[in-house]
Amino acid sequence: MEKDLFGICPYTTAQRLLTGKWTLLILYHLSKKTMRFGELLRVLPHLTQSTLTKQLRMMEANGLIIRTIYNQIPPKVEYSLSHLGEQFQPVLDALEVWGEEYIAYLENTHG
């Protein structure tokens, strides 16, 4: 049986943290600004409330984001990147560049 390499191998660890289908897009949007739940739903229209809740809980448990609850009526909850999440910014930037290059590749081969 293969030993679990989470917390040992950097690639296995990163893959596990980025498992959710929406994790990268949530990280991207939160890298631009602190957002409320409804704002995230608006910028990710194909995401259901339950899936967003699940993703945010997982990301908070993994230390990638911070959930801030304001003691007011009506209750206000905001999501932002943690320090660890902010350290992911160079990876997001590199993914954007690579994604743009791949889009150009597709246009050149299929267009």
PDB file of N, CA and C in Angstrom:
ATOM      1  N   MET A   1       0.837  -1.175   0.000  1.00  0.00           N
ATOM      2  CA  MET A   1       0.000   0.000   0.000  1.00  0.00           C
ATOM      3  C   MET A   1       0.890   1.249   0.000  1.00  0.00           C
ATOM      4  N   GLU A   2       0.520   2.249  -0.860  1.00  0.00           N
ATOM      5  CA  GLU A   2       1.319   3.453  -0.981  1.00  0.00           C
ATOM      6  C   GLU A   2       1.136   4.338   0.251  1.00  0.00           C
ATOM      7  N   LYS A   3       2.242   4.813   0.764  1.00  0.00           N
ATOM      8  CA  LYS A   3       2.208   5.686   1.928  1.00  0.00           C
ATOM      9  C   LYS A   3       1.636   7.047   1.519  1.00  0.00           C
ATOM     10  N   ASP A   4       0.812   7.640   2.377  1.00  0.00           N
ATOM     11  CA  ASP A   4       0.265   8.963   2.111  1.00  0.00           C
ATOM     12  C   ASP A   4       1.393   9.983   2.187  1.00  0.00           C
ATOM     13  N   LEU A   5       1.609  10.698   1.108  1.00  0.00           N
ATOM     14  CA  LEU A   5       2.717  11.641   1.043  1.00  0.00           C
ATOM     15  C   LEU A   5       2.304  13.078   1.352  1.00  0.00           C
ATOM     16  N   PHE A   6       1.043  13.288   1.793  1.00  0.00           N
ATOM     17  CA  PHE A   6       0.605  14.634   2.168  1.00  0.00           C
ATOM     18  C   PHE A   6       1.463  15.129   3.323  1.00  0.00           C
ATOM     19  N   GLY A   7       1.991  16.329   3.175  1.00  0.00           N
ATOM     20  CA  GLY A   7       2.857  16.889   4.212  1.00  0.00           C
ATOM     21  C   GLY A   7       4.297  16.427   4.104  1.00  0.00           C
ATOM     22  N   ILE A   8       4.567  15.576   3.125  1.00  0.00           N
ATOM     23  CA  ILE A   8       5.935  15.086   2.910  1.00  0.00           C
ATOM     24  C   ILE A   8       6.409  15.518   1.527  1.00  0.00           C
ATOM     25  N   CYS A   9       5.649  15.140   0.512  1.00  0.00           N
ATOM     26  CA  CYS A   9       5.973  15.484  -0.871  1.00  0.00           C
ATOM     27  C   CYS A   9       5.291  16.805  -1.223  1.00  0.00           C
ATOM     28  N   PRO A  10       6.035  17.795  -1.730  1.00  0.00           N
ATOM     29  CA  PRO A  10       5.413  19.085  -2.036  1.00  0.00           C
ATOM     30  C   PRO A  10       4.335  19.000  -3.122  1.00  0.00           C
ATOM     31  N   TYR A  11       4.510  18.122  -4.096  1.00  0.00           N
ATOM     32  CA  TYR A  11       3.511  18.011  -5.166  1.00  0.00           C
ATOM     33  C   TYR A  11       2.229  17.350  -4.672  1.00  0.00           C
ATOM     34  N   THR A  12       2.371  16.303  -3.880  1.00  0.00           N
ATOM     35  CA  THR A  12       1.195  15.640  -3.308  1.00  0.00           C
ATOM     36  C   THR A  12       0.449  16.607  -2.389  1.00  0.00           C
ATOM     37  N   THR A  13       1.180  17.352  -1.586  1.00  0.00           N
ATOM     38  CA  THR A  13       0.574  18.306  -0.663  1.00  0.00           C
ATOM     39  C   THR A  13      -0.176  19.390  -1.424  1.00  0.00           C
ATOM     40  N   ALA A  14       0.465  19.977  -2.439  1.00  0.00           N
ATOM     41  CA  ALA A  14      -0.181  21.036  -3.231  1.00  0.00           C
ATOM     42  C   ALA A  14      -1.410  20.495  -3.966  1.00  0.00           C
ATOM     43  N   GLN A  15      -1.290  19.303  -4.520  1.00  0.00           N
ATOM     44  CA  GLN A  15      -2.424  18.718  -5.240  1.00  0.00           C
ATOM     45  C   GLN A  15      -3.617  18.518  -4.307  1.00  0.00           C
ATOM     46  N   ARG A  16      -3.385  18.054  -3.104  1.00  0.00           N
ATOM     47  CA  ARG A  16      -4.458  17.835  -2.144  1.00  0.00           C
ATOM     48  C   ARG A  16      -5.117  19.156  -1.756  1.00  0.00           C
ATOM     49  N   LEU A  17      -4.316  20.203  -1.558  1.00  0.00           N
ATOM     50  CA  LEU A  17      -4.860  21.505  -1.179  1.00  0.00           C
ATOM     51  C   LEU A  17      -5.677  22.138  -2.296  1.00  0.00           C
ATOM     52  N   LEU A  18      -5.351  21.795  -3.534  1.00  0.00           N
ATOM     53  CA  LEU A  18      -6.021  22.395  -4.695  1.00  0.00           C
ATOM     54  C   LEU A  18      -7.033  21.451  -5.322  1.00  0.00           C
ATOM     55  N   THR A  19      -7.454  20.436  -4.574  1.00  0.00           N
ATOM     56  CA  THR A  19      -8.332  19.401  -5.088  1.00  0.00           C
ATOM     57  C   THR A  19      -9.670  19.916  -5.598  1.00  0.00           C
ATOM     58  N   GLY A  20     -10.302  20.824  -4.886  1.00  0.00           N
ATOM     59  CA  GLY A  20     -11.629  21.287  -5.264  1.00  0.00           C
ATOM     60  C   GLY A  20     -11.659  21.912  -6.648  1.00  0.00           C
ATOM     61  N   LYS A  21     -12.721  21.641  -7.376  1.00  0.00           N
ATOM     62  CA  LYS A  21     -12.874  22.142  -8.747  1.00  0.00           C
ATOM     63  C   LYS A  21     -12.777  23.664  -8.806  1.00  0.00           C
ATOM     64  N   TRP A  22     -13.213  24.348  -7.754  1.00  0.00           N
ATOM     65  CA  TRP A  22     -13.303  25.804  -7.765  1.00  0.00           C
ATOM     66  C   TRP A  22     -12.200  26.491  -6.965  1.00  0.00           C
ATOM     67  N   THR A  23     -11.320  25.735  -6.345  1.00  0.00           N
ATOM     68  CA  THR A  23     -10.317  26.304  -5.440  1.00  0.00           C
ATOM     69  C   THR A  23      -9.467  27.381  -6.116  1.00  0.00           C
ATOM     70  N   LEU A  24      -8.953  27.103  -7.305  1.00  0.00           N
ATOM     71  CA  LEU A  24      -8.099  28.080  -7.983  1.00  0.00           C
ATOM     72  C   LEU A  24      -8.848  29.369  -8.297  1.00  0.00           C
ATOM     73  N   LEU A  25     -10.090  29.240  -8.758  1.00  0.00           N
ATOM     74  CA  LEU A  25     -10.862  30.442  -9.093  1.00  0.00           C
ATOM     75  C   LEU A  25     -11.213  31.246  -7.845  1.00  0.00           C
ATOM     76  N   ILE A  26     -11.515  30.574  -6.758  1.00  0.00           N
ATOM     77  CA  ILE A  26     -11.788  31.281  -5.501  1.00  0.00           C
ATOM     78  C   ILE A  26     -10.524  32.001  -5.030  1.00  0.00           C
ATOM     79  N   LEU A  27      -9.391  31.312  -5.078  1.00  0.00           N
ATOM     80  CA  LEU A  27      -8.123  31.952  -4.702  1.00  0.00           C
ATOM     81  C   LEU A  27      -7.848  33.166  -5.577  1.00  0.00           C
ATOM     82  N   TYR A  28      -8.108  33.051  -6.876  1.00  0.00           N
ATOM     83  CA  TYR A  28      -7.891  34.169  -7.793  1.00  0.00           C
ATOM     84  C   TYR A  28      -8.746  35.370  -7.380  1.00  0.00           C
ATOM     85  N   HIS A  29     -10.036  35.166  -7.188  1.00  0.00           N
ATOM     86  CA  HIS A  29     -10.923  36.280  -6.853  1.00  0.00           C
ATOM     87  C   HIS A  29     -10.573  36.895  -5.502  1.00  0.00           C
ATOM     88  N   LEU A  30     -10.220  36.062  -4.536  1.00  0.00           N
ATOM     89  CA  LEU A  30      -9.850  36.597  -3.223  1.00  0.00           C
ATOM     90  C   LEU A  30      -8.478  37.269  -3.256  1.00  0.00           C
ATOM     91  N   SER A  31      -7.667  36.949  -4.258  1.00  0.00           N
ATOM     92  CA  SER A  31      -6.373  37.630  -4.381  1.00  0.00           C
ATOM     93  C   SER A  31      -6.570  39.074  -4.848  1.00  0.00           C
ATOM     94  N   LYS A  32      -7.721  39.348  -5.448  1.00  0.00           N
ATOM     95  CA  LYS A  32      -8.021  40.705  -5.917  1.00  0.00           C
ATOM     96  C   LYS A  32      -8.611  41.567  -4.809  1.00  0.00           C
ATOM     97  N   LYS A  33      -9.456  40.957  -3.952  1.00  0.00           N
ATOM     98  CA  LYS A  33     -10.069  41.714  -2.859  1.00  0.00           C
ATOM     99  C   LYS A  33     -10.769  40.761  -1.899  1.00  0.00           C
ATOM    100  N   THR A  34     -11.023  41.270  -0.684  1.00  0.00           N
ATOM    101  CA  THR A  34     -11.831  40.559   0.298  1.00  0.00           C
ATOM    102  C   THR A  34     -13.263  40.539  -0.226  1.00  0.00           C
ATOM    103  N   MET A  35     -13.940  39.404  -0.095  1.00  0.00           N
ATOM    104  CA  MET A  35     -15.279  39.279  -0.660  1.00  0.00           C
ATOM    105  C   MET A  35     -16.235  38.613   0.315  1.00  0.00           C
ATOM    106  N   ARG A  36     -17.511  38.911   0.130  1.00  0.00           N
ATOM    107  CA  ARG A  36     -18.566  38.253   0.877  1.00  0.00           C
ATOM    108  C   ARG A  36     -19.064  37.063   0.069  1.00  0.00           C
ATOM    109  N   PHE A  37     -19.811  36.183   0.726  1.00  0.00           N
ATOM    110  CA  PHE A  37     -20.309  34.958   0.102  1.00  0.00           C
ATOM    111  C   PHE A  37     -21.086  35.272  -1.185  1.00  0.00           C
ATOM    112  N   GLY A  38     -22.012  36.213  -1.109  1.00  0.00           N
ATOM    113  CA  GLY A  38     -22.834  36.565  -2.267  1.00  0.00           C
ATOM    114  C   GLY A  38     -22.024  37.104  -3.430  1.00  0.00           C
ATOM    115  N   GLU A  39     -20.962  37.847  -3.110  1.00  0.00           N
ATOM    116  CA  GLU A  39     -20.083  38.365  -4.164  1.00  0.00           C
ATOM    117  C   GLU A  39     -19.383  37.222  -4.891  1.00  0.00           C
ATOM    118  N   LEU A  40     -18.923  36.245  -4.120  1.00  0.00           N
ATOM    119  CA  LEU A  40     -18.275  35.081  -4.745  1.00  0.00           C
ATOM    120  C   LEU A  40     -19.255  34.330  -5.635  1.00  0.00           C
ATOM    121  N   LEU A  41     -20.490  34.182  -5.188  1.00  0.00           N
ATOM    122  CA  LEU A  41     -21.504  33.518  -6.018  1.00  0.00           C
ATOM    123  C   LEU A  41     -21.741  34.280  -7.317  1.00  0.00           C
ATOM    124  N   ARG A  42     -21.722  35.603  -7.255  1.00  0.00           N
ATOM    125  CA  ARG A  42     -21.956  36.402  -8.462  1.00  0.00           C
ATOM    126  C   ARG A  42     -20.823  36.262  -9.474  1.00  0.00           C
ATOM    127  N   VAL A  43     -19.577  36.236  -8.984  1.00  0.00           N
ATOM    128  CA  VAL A  43     -18.448  36.136  -9.924  1.00  0.00           C
ATOM    129  C   VAL A  43     -18.212  34.700 -10.391  1.00  0.00           C
ATOM    130  N   LEU A  44     -18.837  33.733  -9.722  1.00  0.00           N
ATOM    131  CA  LEU A  44     -18.740  32.315 -10.104  1.00  0.00           C
ATOM    132  C   LEU A  44     -20.158  31.773 -10.297  1.00  0.00           C
ATOM    133  N   PRO A  45     -20.852  32.216 -11.358  1.00  0.00           N
ATOM    134  CA  PRO A  45     -22.282  31.919 -11.509  1.00  0.00           C
ATOM    135  C   PRO A  45     -22.627  30.435 -11.675  1.00  0.00           C
ATOM    136  N   HIS A  46     -21.681  29.602 -12.041  1.00  0.00           N
ATOM    137  CA  HIS A  46     -21.969  28.175 -12.221  1.00  0.00           C
ATOM    138  C   HIS A  46     -21.778  27.375 -10.936  1.00  0.00           C
ATOM    139  N   LEU A  47     -21.442  28.075  -9.869  1.00  0.00           N
ATOM    140  CA  LEU A  47     -21.171  27.443  -8.582  1.00  0.00           C
ATOM    141  C   LEU A  47     -22.427  27.508  -7.714  1.00  0.00           C
ATOM    142  N   THR A  48     -22.806  26.390  -7.108  1.00  0.00           N
ATOM    143  CA  THR A  48     -23.977  26.382  -6.230  1.00  0.00           C
ATOM    144  C   THR A  48     -23.578  26.863  -4.835  1.00  0.00           C
ATOM    145  N   GLN A  49     -24.582  27.307  -4.067  1.00  0.00           N
ATOM    146  CA  GLN A  49     -24.319  27.758  -2.697  1.00  0.00           C
ATOM    147  C   GLN A  49     -23.672  26.664  -1.861  1.00  0.00           C
ATOM    148  N   SER A  50     -24.197  25.442  -1.992  1.00  0.00           N
ATOM    149  CA  SER A  50     -23.674  24.351  -1.164  1.00  0.00           C
ATOM    150  C   SER A  50     -22.230  24.015  -1.533  1.00  0.00           C
ATOM    151  N   THR A  51     -21.909  24.053  -2.821  1.00  0.00           N
ATOM    152  CA  THR A  51     -20.536  23.770  -3.242  1.00  0.00           C
ATOM    153  C   THR A  51     -19.594  24.870  -2.774  1.00  0.00           C
ATOM    154  N   LEU A  52     -20.032  26.126  -2.885  1.00  0.00           N
ATOM    155  CA  LEU A  52     -19.193  27.229  -2.424  1.00  0.00           C
ATOM    156  C   LEU A  52     -18.953  27.115  -0.920  1.00  0.00           C
ATOM    157  N   THR A  53     -19.990  26.812  -0.159  1.00  0.00           N
ATOM    158  CA  THR A  53     -19.851  26.635   1.290  1.00  0.00           C
ATOM    159  C   THR A  53     -18.820  25.551   1.593  1.00  0.00           C
ATOM    160  N   LYS A  54     -18.940  24.424   0.902  1.00  0.00           N
ATOM    161  CA  LYS A  54     -18.025  23.295   1.112  1.00  0.00           C
ATOM    162  C   LYS A  54     -16.583  23.685   0.771  1.00  0.00           C
ATOM    163  N   GLN A  55     -16.407  24.359  -0.365  1.00  0.00           N
ATOM    164  CA  GLN A  55     -15.064  24.778  -0.787  1.00  0.00           C
ATOM    165  C   GLN A  55     -14.459  25.762   0.206  1.00  0.00           C
ATOM    166  N   LEU A  56     -15.253  26.752   0.630  1.00  0.00           N
ATOM    167  CA  LEU A  56     -14.739  27.749   1.564  1.00  0.00           C
ATOM    168  C   LEU A  56     -14.357  27.115   2.895  1.00  0.00           C
ATOM    169  N   ARG A  57     -15.164  26.195   3.386  1.00  0.00           N
ATOM    170  CA  ARG A  57     -14.839  25.500   4.648  1.00  0.00           C
ATOM    171  C   ARG A  57     -13.542  24.711   4.522  1.00  0.00           C
ATOM    172  N   MET A  58     -13.383  24.016   3.381  1.00  0.00           N
ATOM    173  CA  MET A  58     -12.165  23.234   3.151  1.00  0.00           C
ATOM    174  C   MET A  58     -10.949  24.159   3.075  1.00  0.00           C
ATOM    175  N   MET A  59     -11.094  25.267   2.358  1.00  0.00           N
ATOM    176  CA  MET A  59      -9.973  26.193   2.203  1.00  0.00           C
ATOM    177  C   MET A  59      -9.614  26.859   3.527  1.00  0.00           C
ATOM    178  N   GLU A  60     -10.625  27.145   4.351  1.00  0.00           N
ATOM    179  CA  GLU A  60     -10.364  27.725   5.669  1.00  0.00           C
ATOM    180  C   GLU A  60      -9.664  26.698   6.562  1.00  0.00           C
ATOM    181  N   ALA A  61     -10.141  25.458   6.539  1.00  0.00           N
ATOM    182  CA  ALA A  61      -9.531  24.394   7.345  1.00  0.00           C
ATOM    183  C   ALA A  61      -8.084  24.147   6.928  1.00  0.00           C
ATOM    184  N   ASN A  62      -7.787  24.341   5.646  1.00  0.00           N
ATOM    185  CA  ASN A  62      -6.431  24.137   5.138  1.00  0.00           C
ATOM    186  C   ASN A  62      -5.539  25.362   5.321  1.00  0.00           C
ATOM    187  N   GLY A  63      -6.095  26.435   5.876  1.00  0.00           N
ATOM    188  CA  GLY A  63      -5.289  27.621   6.167  1.00  0.00           C
ATOM    189  C   GLY A  63      -5.060  28.548   4.993  1.00  0.00           C
ATOM    190  N   LEU A  64      -5.820  28.379   3.894  1.00  0.00           N
ATOM    191  CA  LEU A  64      -5.627  29.208   2.710  1.00  0.00           C
ATOM    192  C   LEU A  64      -6.397  30.521   2.777  1.00  0.00           C
ATOM    193  N   ILE A  65      -7.525  30.513   3.481  1.00  0.00           N
ATOM    194  CA  ILE A  65      -8.348  31.716   3.586  1.00  0.00           C
ATOM    195  C   ILE A  65      -8.733  31.974   5.036  1.00  0.00           C
ATOM    196  N   ILE A  66      -9.178  33.192   5.279  1.00  0.00           N
ATOM    197  CA  ILE A  66      -9.653  33.594   6.604  1.00  0.00           C
ATOM    198  C   ILE A  66     -11.116  34.006   6.472  1.00  0.00           C
ATOM    199  N   ARG A  67     -11.930  33.515   7.378  1.00  0.00           N
ATOM    200  CA  ARG A  67     -13.348  33.868   7.441  1.00  0.00           C
ATOM    201  C   ARG A  67     -13.516  34.812   8.616  1.00  0.00           C
ATOM    202  N   THR A  68     -13.949  36.032   8.322  1.00  0.00           N
ATOM    203  CA  THR A  68     -14.125  37.046   9.363  1.00  0.00           C
ATOM    204  C   THR A  68     -15.612  37.307   9.547  1.00  0.00           C
ATOM    205  N   ILE A  69     -16.082  37.132  10.774  1.00  0.00           N
ATOM    206  CA  ILE A  69     -17.488  37.355  11.109  1.00  0.00           C
ATOM    207  C   ILE A  69     -17.591  38.667  11.878  1.00  0.00           C
ATOM    208  N   TYR A  70     -18.450  39.566  11.390  1.00  0.00           N
ATOM    209  CA  TYR A  70     -18.662  40.843  12.066  1.00  0.00           C
ATOM    210  C   TYR A  70     -19.923  40.749  12.913  1.00  0.00           C
ATOM    211  N   ASN A  71     -19.820  41.169  14.155  1.00  0.00           N
ATOM    212  CA  ASN A  71     -20.935  41.094  15.094  1.00  0.00           C
ATOM    213  C   ASN A  71     -21.875  42.273  14.864  1.00  0.00           C
ATOM    214  N   GLN A  72     -22.753  42.118  13.901  1.00  0.00           N
ATOM    215  CA  GLN A  72     -23.716  43.164  13.570  1.00  0.00           C
ATOM    216  C   GLN A  72     -24.984  42.526  13.039  1.00  0.00           C
ATOM    217  N   ILE A  73     -26.015  43.330  12.881  1.00  0.00           N
ATOM    218  CA  ILE A  73     -27.275  42.835  12.335  1.00  0.00           C
ATOM    219  C   ILE A  73     -27.560  43.621  11.070  1.00  0.00           C
ATOM    220  N   PRO A  74     -27.772  42.960   9.920  1.00  0.00           N
ATOM    221  CA  PRO A  74     -27.635  41.518   9.728  1.00  0.00           C
ATOM    222  C   PRO A  74     -26.166  41.092   9.804  1.00  0.00           C
ATOM    223  N   PRO A  75     -25.922  39.810  10.107  1.00  0.00           N
ATOM    224  CA  PRO A  75     -24.542  39.338  10.216  1.00  0.00           C
ATOM    225  C   PRO A  75     -23.775  39.557   8.911  1.00  0.00           C
ATOM    226  N   LYS A  76     -22.508  39.872   9.045  1.00  0.00           N
ATOM    227  CA  LYS A  76     -21.653  40.100   7.880  1.00  0.00           C
ATOM    228  C   LYS A  76     -20.450  39.165   8.000  1.00  0.00           C
ATOM    229  N   VAL A  77     -20.195  38.419   6.932  1.00  0.00           N
ATOM    230  CA  VAL A  77     -19.053  37.506   6.891  1.00  0.00           C
ATOM    231  C   VAL A  77     -18.245  37.824   5.652  1.00  0.00           C
ATOM    232  N   GLU A  78     -16.948  37.976   5.828  1.00  0.00           N
ATOM    233  CA  GLU A  78     -16.061  38.242   4.695  1.00  0.00           C
ATOM    234  C   GLU A  78     -14.981  37.176   4.625  1.00  0.00           C
ATOM    235  N   TYR A  79     -14.534  36.931   3.397  1.00  0.00           N
ATOM    236  CA  TYR A  79     -13.484  35.960   3.141  1.00  0.00           C
ATOM    237  C   TYR A  79     -12.295  36.679   2.518  1.00  0.00           C
ATOM    238  N   SER A  80     -11.121  36.337   2.996  1.00  0.00           N
ATOM    239  CA  SER A  80      -9.895  36.918   2.454  1.00  0.00           C
ATOM    240  C   SER A  80      -8.807  35.851   2.475  1.00  0.00           C
ATOM    241  N   LEU A  81      -7.739  36.131   1.753  1.00  0.00           N
ATOM    242  CA  LEU A  81      -6.618  35.192   1.761  1.00  0.00           C
ATOM    243  C   LEU A  81      -5.857  35.307   3.076  1.00  0.00           C
ATOM    244  N   SER A  82      -5.432  34.182   3.592  1.00  0.00           N
ATOM    245  CA  SER A  82      -4.533  34.175   4.745  1.00  0.00           C
ATOM    246  C   SER A  82      -3.131  34.507   4.224  1.00  0.00           C
ATOM    247  N   HIS A  83      -2.193  34.619   5.133  1.00  0.00           N
ATOM    248  CA  HIS A  83      -0.803  34.847   4.698  1.00  0.00           C
ATOM    249  C   HIS A  83      -0.352  33.715   3.777  1.00  0.00           C
ATOM    250  N   LEU A  84      -0.702  32.495   4.136  1.00  0.00           N
ATOM    251  CA  LEU A  84      -0.368  31.337   3.305  1.00  0.00           C
ATOM    252  C   LEU A  84      -1.027  31.453   1.925  1.00  0.00           C
ATOM    253  N   GLY A  85      -2.287  31.873   1.899  1.00  0.00           N
ATOM    254  CA  GLY A  85      -2.984  32.070   0.633  1.00  0.00           C
ATOM    255  C   GLY A  85      -2.351  33.161  -0.207  1.00  0.00           C
ATOM    256  N   GLU A  86      -1.905  34.244   0.447  1.00  0.00           N
ATOM    257  CA  GLU A  86      -1.236  35.332  -0.276  1.00  0.00           C
ATOM    258  C   GLU A  86       0.072  34.862  -0.895  1.00  0.00           C
ATOM    259  N   GLN A  87       0.728  33.910  -0.239  1.00  0.00           N
ATOM    260  CA  GLN A  87       1.983  33.382  -0.773  1.00  0.00           C
ATOM    261  C   GLN A  87       1.769  32.571  -2.051  1.00  0.00           C
ATOM    262  N   PHE A  88       0.513  32.274  -2.365  1.00  0.00           N
ATOM    263  CA  PHE A  88       0.174  31.528  -3.587  1.00  0.00           C
ATOM    264  C   PHE A  88       0.124  32.452  -4.808  1.00  0.00           C
ATOM    265  N   GLN A  89       0.183  33.777  -4.603  1.00  0.00           N
ATOM    266  CA  GLN A  89       0.042  34.745  -5.695  1.00  0.00           C
ATOM    267  C   GLN A  89       0.996  34.492  -6.865  1.00  0.00           C
ATOM    268  N   PRO A  90       2.290  34.217  -6.640  1.00  0.00           N
ATOM    269  CA  PRO A  90       3.173  33.955  -7.785  1.00  0.00           C
ATOM    270  C   PRO A  90       2.723  32.735  -8.612  1.00  0.00           C
ATOM    271  N   VAL A  91       2.115  31.761  -7.947  1.00  0.00           N
ATOM    272  CA  VAL A  91       1.608  30.583  -8.664  1.00  0.00           C
ATOM    273  C   VAL A  91       0.411  30.990  -9.527  1.00  0.00           C
ATOM    274  N   LEU A  92      -0.496  31.811  -8.967  1.00  0.00           N
ATOM    275  CA  LEU A  92      -1.628  32.308  -9.748  1.00  0.00           C
ATOM    276  C   LEU A  92      -1.143  33.096 -10.954  1.00  0.00           C
ATOM    277  N   ASP A  93      -0.141  33.945 -10.753  1.00  0.00           N
ATOM    278  CA  ASP A  93       0.403  34.744 -11.850  1.00  0.00           C
ATOM    279  C   ASP A  93       0.996  33.836 -12.938  1.00  0.00           C
ATOM    280  N   ALA A  94       1.730  32.811 -12.513  1.00  0.00           N
ATOM    281  CA  ALA A  94       2.328  31.880 -13.472  1.00  0.00           C
ATOM    282  C   ALA A  94       1.252  31.092 -14.216  1.00  0.00           C
ATOM    283  N   LEU A  95       0.187  30.696 -13.520  1.00  0.00           N
ATOM    284  CA  LEU A  95      -0.913  29.982 -14.173  1.00  0.00           C
ATOM    285  C   LEU A  95      -1.609  30.872 -15.200  1.00  0.00           C
ATOM    286  N   GLU A  96      -1.736  32.157 -14.897  1.00  0.00           N
ATOM    287  CA  GLU A  96      -2.352  33.082 -15.852  1.00  0.00           C
ATOM    288  C   GLU A  96      -1.518  33.161 -17.135  1.00  0.00           C
ATOM    289  N   VAL A  97      -0.219  33.321 -16.990  1.00  0.00           N
ATOM    290  CA  VAL A  97       0.676  33.395 -18.149  1.00  0.00           C
ATOM    291  C   VAL A  97       0.599  32.094 -18.952  1.00  0.00           C
ATOM    292  N   TRP A  98       0.687  30.967 -18.269  1.00  0.00           N
ATOM    293  CA  TRP A  98       0.631  29.675 -18.950  1.00  0.00           C
ATOM    294  C   TRP A  98      -0.721  29.484 -19.636  1.00  0.00           C
ATOM    295  N   GLY A  99      -1.805  29.871 -18.956  1.00  0.00           N
ATOM    296  CA  GLY A  99      -3.142  29.756 -19.536  1.00  0.00           C
ATOM    297  C   GLY A  99      -3.276  30.605 -20.793  1.00  0.00           C
ATOM    298  N   GLU A 100      -2.739  31.823 -20.771  1.00  0.00           N
ATOM    299  CA  GLU A 100      -2.776  32.683 -21.955  1.00  0.00           C
ATOM    300  C   GLU A 100      -1.986  32.066 -23.100  1.00  0.00           C
ATOM    301  N   GLU A 101      -0.831  31.487 -22.790  1.00  0.00           N
ATOM    302  CA  GLU A 101      -0.018  30.828 -23.822  1.00  0.00           C
ATOM    303  C   GLU A 101      -0.765  29.635 -24.406  1.00  0.00           C
ATOM    304  N   TYR A 102      -1.468  28.903 -23.560  1.00  0.00           N
ATOM    305  CA  TYR A 102      -2.208  27.746 -24.056  1.00  0.00           C
ATOM    306  C   TYR A 102      -3.386  28.184 -24.925  1.00  0.00           C
ATOM    307  N   ILE A 103      -4.041  29.262 -24.549  1.00  0.00           N
ATOM    308  CA  ILE A 103      -5.140  29.793 -25.368  1.00  0.00           C
ATOM    309  C   ILE A 103      -4.604  30.196 -26.746  1.00  0.00           C
ATOM    310  N   ALA A 104      -3.438  30.829 -26.786  1.00  0.00           N
ATOM    311  CA  ALA A 104      -2.809  31.188 -28.071  1.00  0.00           C
ATOM    312  C   ALA A 104      -2.475  29.936 -28.872  1.00  0.00           C
ATOM    313  N   TYR A 105      -1.983  28.924 -28.201  1.00  0.00           N
ATOM    314  CA  TYR A 105      -1.687  27.640 -28.858  1.00  0.00           C
ATOM    315  C   TYR A 105      -2.963  27.062 -29.492  1.00  0.00           C
ATOM    316  N   LEU A 106      -4.071  27.081 -28.746  1.00  0.00           N
ATOM    317  CA  LEU A 106      -5.324  26.562 -29.275  1.00  0.00           C
ATOM    318  C   LEU A 106      -5.782  27.358 -30.491  1.00  0.00           C
ATOM    319  N   GLU A 107      -5.657  28.666 -30.412  1.00  0.00           N
ATOM    320  CA  GLU A 107      -6.058  29.507 -31.533  1.00  0.00           C
ATOM    321  C   GLU A 107      -5.214  29.227 -32.771  1.00  0.00           C
ATOM    322  N   ASN A 108      -3.931  28.948 -32.576  1.00  0.00           N
ATOM    323  CA  ASN A 108      -3.027  28.677 -33.700  1.00  0.00           C
ATOM    324  C   ASN A 108      -3.217  27.294 -34.301  1.00  0.00           C
ATOM    325  N   THR A 109      -3.638  26.341 -33.467  1.00  0.00           N
ATOM    326  CA  THR A 109      -3.784  24.970 -33.977  1.00  0.00           C
ATOM    327  C   THR A 109      -5.195  24.671 -34.437  1.00  0.00           C
ATOM    328  N   HIS A 110      -6.183  25.383 -33.895  1.00  0.00           N
ATOM    329  CA  HIS A 110      -7.581  25.085 -34.239  1.00  0.00           C
ATOM    330  C   HIS A 110      -8.289  26.239 -34.919  1.00  0.00           C
ATOM    331  N   GLY A 111      -7.629  27.365 -35.044  1.00  0.00           N
ATOM    332  CA  GLY A 111      -8.347  28.513 -35.525  1.00  0.00           C
ATOM    333  C   GLY A 111      -7.852  29.041 -36.804  1.00  0.00           C
TER     334      GLY A 111
END
